[in-house]
Amino acid sequence: MKNHNDEAIKNYFNSMLNEKTSDSKEVLEQKVIEKPPENLTVGLSSLPENLVFSETDITTQEKEAVEAEESSAEANQEWKNISVESEFQVLFFELSGLTFAVPLTDLGGIHHLDDSINTLFGKPDWFSGVMRHNESLFNIVDTAKWIKTGESAETLNYSHYILLGATKWGLSCEKLLGTETLSRSQVKWREVKGKRPWLAGMVKEKMCAMIHAEELVKLLNSGMNIHGH
């Protein structure tokens, strides 16, 4: 297991939290959500159909105006951080000397990682392969390679994979550190999207990243790594 200097880790996560974009509003929306299940499993508006226009009903200028409005609305969609209760449970896990946290409400399950993983061609280098569990197939991420630590499944002893919500994506980890109840004040929440939308914030005392599972899955589905490449 590789040890990292605590101060260096703190600076690493602080640098990610402090990223800002000029078109983002510094707003943190928090909503009350249901408590996580004990077993750690989860299971554009449109025009009315009768509102149809022919090409002769709409001028070119009107078309351009509508397209511009739609484009602007899409560009201005706000990034929203995860919603948690005043107190919420998280799972801590470790890999490559770094600790991460994920809310139990965003956790779809935890399974052992073994040698039965099947590799697939034509996938990103961080895609380890596919594993079967209870007749379901899951996409396994070489998490250290995805976050660019300089290590990978070839140098680390992954033991489990953590499923993100109800998706088919599983993050490899070296060690499960258990669950803990946190209060919102114990997390330094990210307020803008920045360059790492997957980062919800940092757990202050543990100096570790809180994962925004929904945004991370978006990157995985797009074949992108931690840097969006």
Protein backbone atom coordinates (compact mmCIF):
# COMPACT_ATOMS: atom_id res chain seq x y z
CA MET A 1 0.00 0.00 0.00
CA LYS A 2 1.45 3.38 -0.93
CA ASN A 3 1.51 6.08 1.78
CA HIS A 4 0.98 9.74 0.92
CA ASN A 5 1.80 12.81 2.91
CA ASP A 6 -1.39 14.10 4.63
CA GLU A 7 -0.66 17.70 3.71
CA ALA A 8 -0.12 16.79 0.06
CA ILE A 9 -3.44 14.92 -0.01
CA LYS A 10 -5.20 17.88 1.62
CA ASN A 11 -3.76 20.27 -0.95
CA TYR A 12 -4.74 17.88 -3.77
CA PHE A 13 -8.40 17.83 -2.79
CA ASN A 14 -8.48 21.54 -1.89
CA SER A 15 -7.20 22.40 -5.36
CA MET A 16 -10.08 20.42 -6.88
CA LEU A 17 -12.67 22.03 -4.61
CA ASN A 18 -11.50 25.54 -5.42
CA GLU A 19 -11.95 25.21 -9.20
CA LYS A 20 -14.61 27.57 -10.57
CA THR A 21 -16.12 28.36 -13.91
CA SER A 22 -17.25 31.84 -14.92
CA ASP A 23 -20.71 30.76 -16.00
CA SER A 24 -21.53 28.78 -12.83
CA LYS A 25 -23.66 30.13 -10.01
CA GLU A 26 -22.36 29.52 -6.51
CA VAL A 27 -25.49 27.87 -5.23
CA LEU A 28 -25.74 24.69 -3.13
CA GLU A 29 -29.21 23.16 -3.23
CA GLN A 30 -29.95 20.74 -0.40
CA LYS A 31 -33.08 18.61 -0.24
CA VAL A 32 -34.32 15.97 2.19
CA ILE A 33 -34.05 12.44 0.83
CA GLU A 34 -35.12 9.08 2.11
CA LYS A 35 -32.86 7.14 4.46
CA PRO A 36 -30.61 4.55 2.78
CA PRO A 37 -31.76 0.93 2.80
CA GLU A 38 -30.02 -1.27 5.32
CA ASN A 39 -28.99 -3.85 2.73
CA LEU A 40 -27.10 -1.26 0.70
CA THR A 41 -29.08 -2.01 -2.50
CA VAL A 42 -31.19 0.18 -4.73
CA GLY A 43 -33.08 -0.92 -6.98
CA LEU A 44 -37.75 17.98 -21.63
CA SER A 45 -40.90 18.78 -21.54
CA SER A 46 -42.37 18.48 -25.06
CA LEU A 47 -45.00 20.15 -27.16
CA PRO A 48 -48.51 18.70 -27.20
CA GLU A 49 -48.95 16.20 -30.01
CA ASN A 50 -51.61 18.35 -31.66
CA LEU A 51 -49.31 21.37 -31.76
CA VAL A 52 -47.61 20.79 -35.09
CA PHE A 53 -46.21 23.37 -37.47
CA SER A 54 -45.43 23.01 -41.14
CA GLU A 55 -42.37 24.53 -42.77
CA THR A 56 -44.51 27.35 -44.19
CA ASP A 57 -45.82 28.30 -40.75
CA ILE A 58 -42.39 29.22 -39.33
CA THR A 59 -40.03 31.79 -40.80
CA THR A 60 -36.29 31.31 -40.92
CA GLN A 61 -35.81 34.04 -38.33
CA GLU A 62 -38.25 32.34 -35.97
CA LYS A 63 -36.43 29.06 -36.38
CA GLU A 64 -33.11 30.67 -35.57
CA ALA A 65 -34.60 32.35 -32.51
CA VAL A 66 -35.99 29.05 -31.21
CA GLU A 67 -32.72 27.22 -31.85
CA ALA A 68 -30.76 29.97 -30.09
CA GLU A 69 -33.08 29.82 -27.09
CA GLU A 70 -32.79 26.04 -26.83
CA SER A 71 -29.02 26.21 -27.14
CA SER A 72 -28.82 28.85 -24.42
CA ALA A 73 -31.08 26.87 -22.08
CA GLU A 74 -28.92 23.78 -22.50
CA ALA A 75 -25.70 25.72 -21.90
CA ASN A 76 -27.10 27.29 -18.75
CA GLN A 77 -28.22 24.09 -17.08
CA GLU A 78 -26.93 24.30 -13.53
CA TRP A 79 -24.77 21.63 -11.98
CA LYS A 80 -26.36 20.52 -8.73
CA ASN A 81 -24.56 18.91 -5.86
CA ILE A 82 -25.86 15.81 -4.13
CA SER A 83 -28.76 16.19 -1.72
CA VAL A 84 -28.37 14.79 1.77
CA GLU A 85 -30.11 15.00 5.13
CA SER A 86 -28.62 16.95 8.02
CA GLU A 87 -27.04 13.64 9.03
CA PHE A 88 -26.28 10.92 6.50
CA GLN A 89 -24.27 7.72 6.23
CA VAL A 90 -21.31 7.22 3.94
CA LEU A 91 -19.05 4.34 3.00
CA PHE A 92 -15.31 5.00 3.09
CA PHE A 93 -13.00 3.03 0.82
CA GLU A 94 -9.34 3.24 -0.10
CA LEU A 95 -7.12 2.75 -3.11
CA SER A 96 -3.64 3.84 -4.05
CA GLY A 97 -3.21 5.50 -0.65
CA LEU A 98 -6.24 7.76 -1.13
CA THR A 99 -9.54 7.57 0.74
CA PHE A 100 -12.92 8.25 -0.86
CA ALA A 101 -16.45 8.49 0.50
CA VAL A 102 -19.79 7.74 -1.16
CA PRO A 103 -23.22 8.28 0.45
CA LEU A 104 -25.06 5.03 1.12
CA THR A 105 -28.02 6.41 -0.82
CA ASP A 106 -25.79 6.37 -3.92
CA LEU A 107 -24.52 2.88 -3.25
CA GLY A 108 -25.93 -0.03 -5.22
CA GLY A 109 -24.01 -2.80 -3.50
CA ILE A 110 -20.57 -4.16 -2.64
CA HIS A 111 -19.16 -7.33 -4.17
CA HIS A 112 -15.90 -9.25 -4.07
CA LEU A 113 -13.58 -8.77 -7.02
CA ASP A 114 -11.92 -11.93 -8.30
CA ASP A 115 -10.17 -13.33 -11.36
CA SER A 116 -13.41 -14.14 -13.18
CA ILE A 117 -13.49 -10.69 -14.77
CA ASN A 118 -13.81 -10.79 -18.56
CA THR A 119 -11.91 -8.21 -20.57
CA LEU A 120 -13.42 -6.49 -23.60
CA PHE A 121 -11.66 -4.98 -26.61
CA GLY A 122 -12.15 -1.43 -27.80
CA LYS A 123 -12.73 0.01 -24.33
CA PRO A 124 -10.84 2.82 -22.49
CA ASP A 125 -7.67 1.73 -20.69
CA TRP A 126 -9.37 2.23 -17.31
CA PHE A 127 -12.10 -0.29 -18.19
CA SER A 128 -11.04 -3.51 -16.46
CA GLY A 129 -13.81 -5.68 -17.88
CA VAL A 130 -17.14 -7.25 -17.01
CA MET A 131 -18.13 -9.37 -14.02
CA ARG A 132 -21.24 -11.45 -13.45
CA HIS A 133 -23.17 -11.43 -10.17
CA ASN A 134 -26.58 -13.06 -9.70
CA GLU A 135 -27.18 -13.20 -13.45
CA SER A 136 -26.32 -9.51 -13.85
CA LEU A 137 -23.28 -8.12 -15.65
CA PHE A 138 -21.36 -5.18 -14.22
CA ASN A 139 -18.74 -2.90 -15.80
CA ILE A 140 -15.66 -2.79 -13.59
CA VAL A 141 -13.54 0.36 -13.44
CA ASP A 142 -9.81 0.32 -12.71
CA THR A 143 -10.36 3.25 -10.36
CA ALA A 144 -6.70 4.15 -9.80
CA LYS A 145 -6.13 4.32 -13.54
CA TRP A 146 -9.36 6.33 -13.98
CA ILE A 147 -8.24 8.96 -11.46
CA LYS A 148 -4.68 8.94 -12.81
CA THR A 149 -2.74 8.00 -9.64
CA GLY A 150 0.02 6.37 -11.67
CA GLU A 151 -1.07 2.92 -10.49
CA SER A 152 -3.51 0.33 -11.81
CA ALA A 153 -4.93 -3.14 -11.30
CA GLU A 154 -1.50 -4.46 -12.29
CA THR A 155 0.15 -2.87 -9.26
CA LEU A 156 -2.71 -2.79 -6.73
CA ASN A 157 -4.51 -5.55 -4.89
CA TYR A 158 -8.15 -4.72 -5.54
CA SER A 159 -10.49 -6.67 -3.27
CA HIS A 160 -14.03 -5.35 -3.97
CA TYR A 161 -16.05 -3.31 -6.41
CA ILE A 162 -18.61 -0.74 -5.33
CA LEU A 163 -21.71 -0.33 -7.46
CA LEU A 164 -22.87 3.21 -8.16
CA GLY A 165 -26.61 3.42 -7.54
CA ALA A 166 -28.79 1.31 -9.80
CA THR A 167 -26.27 1.47 -12.65
CA LYS A 168 -24.03 -1.28 -13.96
CA TRP A 169 -20.83 0.54 -13.02
CA GLY A 170 -18.55 -0.75 -10.26
CA LEU A 171 -15.51 1.05 -8.83
CA SER A 172 -12.61 -1.18 -7.84
CA CYS A 173 -11.15 -0.58 -4.38
CA GLU A 174 -8.34 -2.02 -2.32
CA LYS A 175 -9.88 -1.75 1.12
CA LEU A 176 -13.30 -1.08 2.61
CA LEU A 177 -12.98 1.22 5.62
CA GLY A 178 -16.56 0.88 6.86
CA THR A 179 -19.50 3.23 7.19
CA GLU A 180 -19.91 6.37 9.28
CA THR A 181 -22.64 8.90 9.98
CA LEU A 182 -21.67 12.45 9.01
CA SER A 183 -23.35 15.81 9.43
CA ARG A 184 -23.47 18.26 6.53
CA SER A 185 -21.11 20.58 8.40
CA GLN A 186 -18.38 17.92 8.35
CA VAL A 187 -18.11 18.23 4.58
CA LYS A 188 -16.64 21.12 2.62
CA TRP A 189 -19.18 21.08 -0.19
CA ARG A 190 -18.31 22.03 -3.73
CA GLU A 191 -20.47 24.90 -4.97
CA VAL A 192 -19.69 24.97 -8.69
CA LYS A 193 -19.15 22.38 -11.40
CA GLY A 194 -15.52 23.19 -12.18
CA LYS A 195 -13.46 20.68 -14.11
CA ARG A 196 -14.41 17.73 -11.88
CA PRO A 197 -18.20 17.43 -11.69
CA TRP A 198 -17.80 14.02 -10.01
CA LEU A 199 -16.42 15.70 -6.87
CA ALA A 200 -19.19 16.64 -4.42
CA GLY A 201 -16.87 17.91 -1.70
CA MET A 202 -14.26 16.93 0.86
CA VAL A 203 -14.76 15.30 4.25
CA LYS A 204 -12.79 17.73 6.40
CA GLU A 205 -11.37 15.50 9.14
CA LYS A 206 -10.41 12.64 6.84
CA MET A 207 -9.23 14.88 3.99
CA CYS A 208 -10.96 12.66 1.47
CA ALA A 209 -13.15 13.21 -1.57
CA MET A 210 -16.93 12.81 -1.45
CA ILE A 211 -18.09 11.23 -4.71
CA HIS A 212 -20.95 12.68 -6.75
CA ALA A 213 -22.08 9.31 -8.12
CA GLU A 214 -24.55 10.64 -10.70
CA GLU A 215 -21.93 12.89 -12.31
CA LEU A 216 -19.27 10.19 -12.16
CA VAL A 217 -21.57 7.78 -14.00
CA LYS A 218 -22.11 10.40 -16.72
CA LEU A 219 -18.35 10.47 -17.33
CA LEU A 220 -18.10 6.68 -17.33
CA ASN A 221 -20.98 6.35 -19.79
CA SER A 222 -19.19 8.82 -22.07
CA GLY A 223 -15.93 6.89 -21.85
CA MET A 224 -14.20 9.77 -20.06
CA ASN A 225 -11.63 9.67 -17.27
CA ILE A 226 -11.28 11.98 -14.26
CA HIS A 227 -10.17 14.85 -16.50
CA GLY A 228 -13.06 14.43 -18.95
CA HIS A 229 -10.80 13.02 -21.68
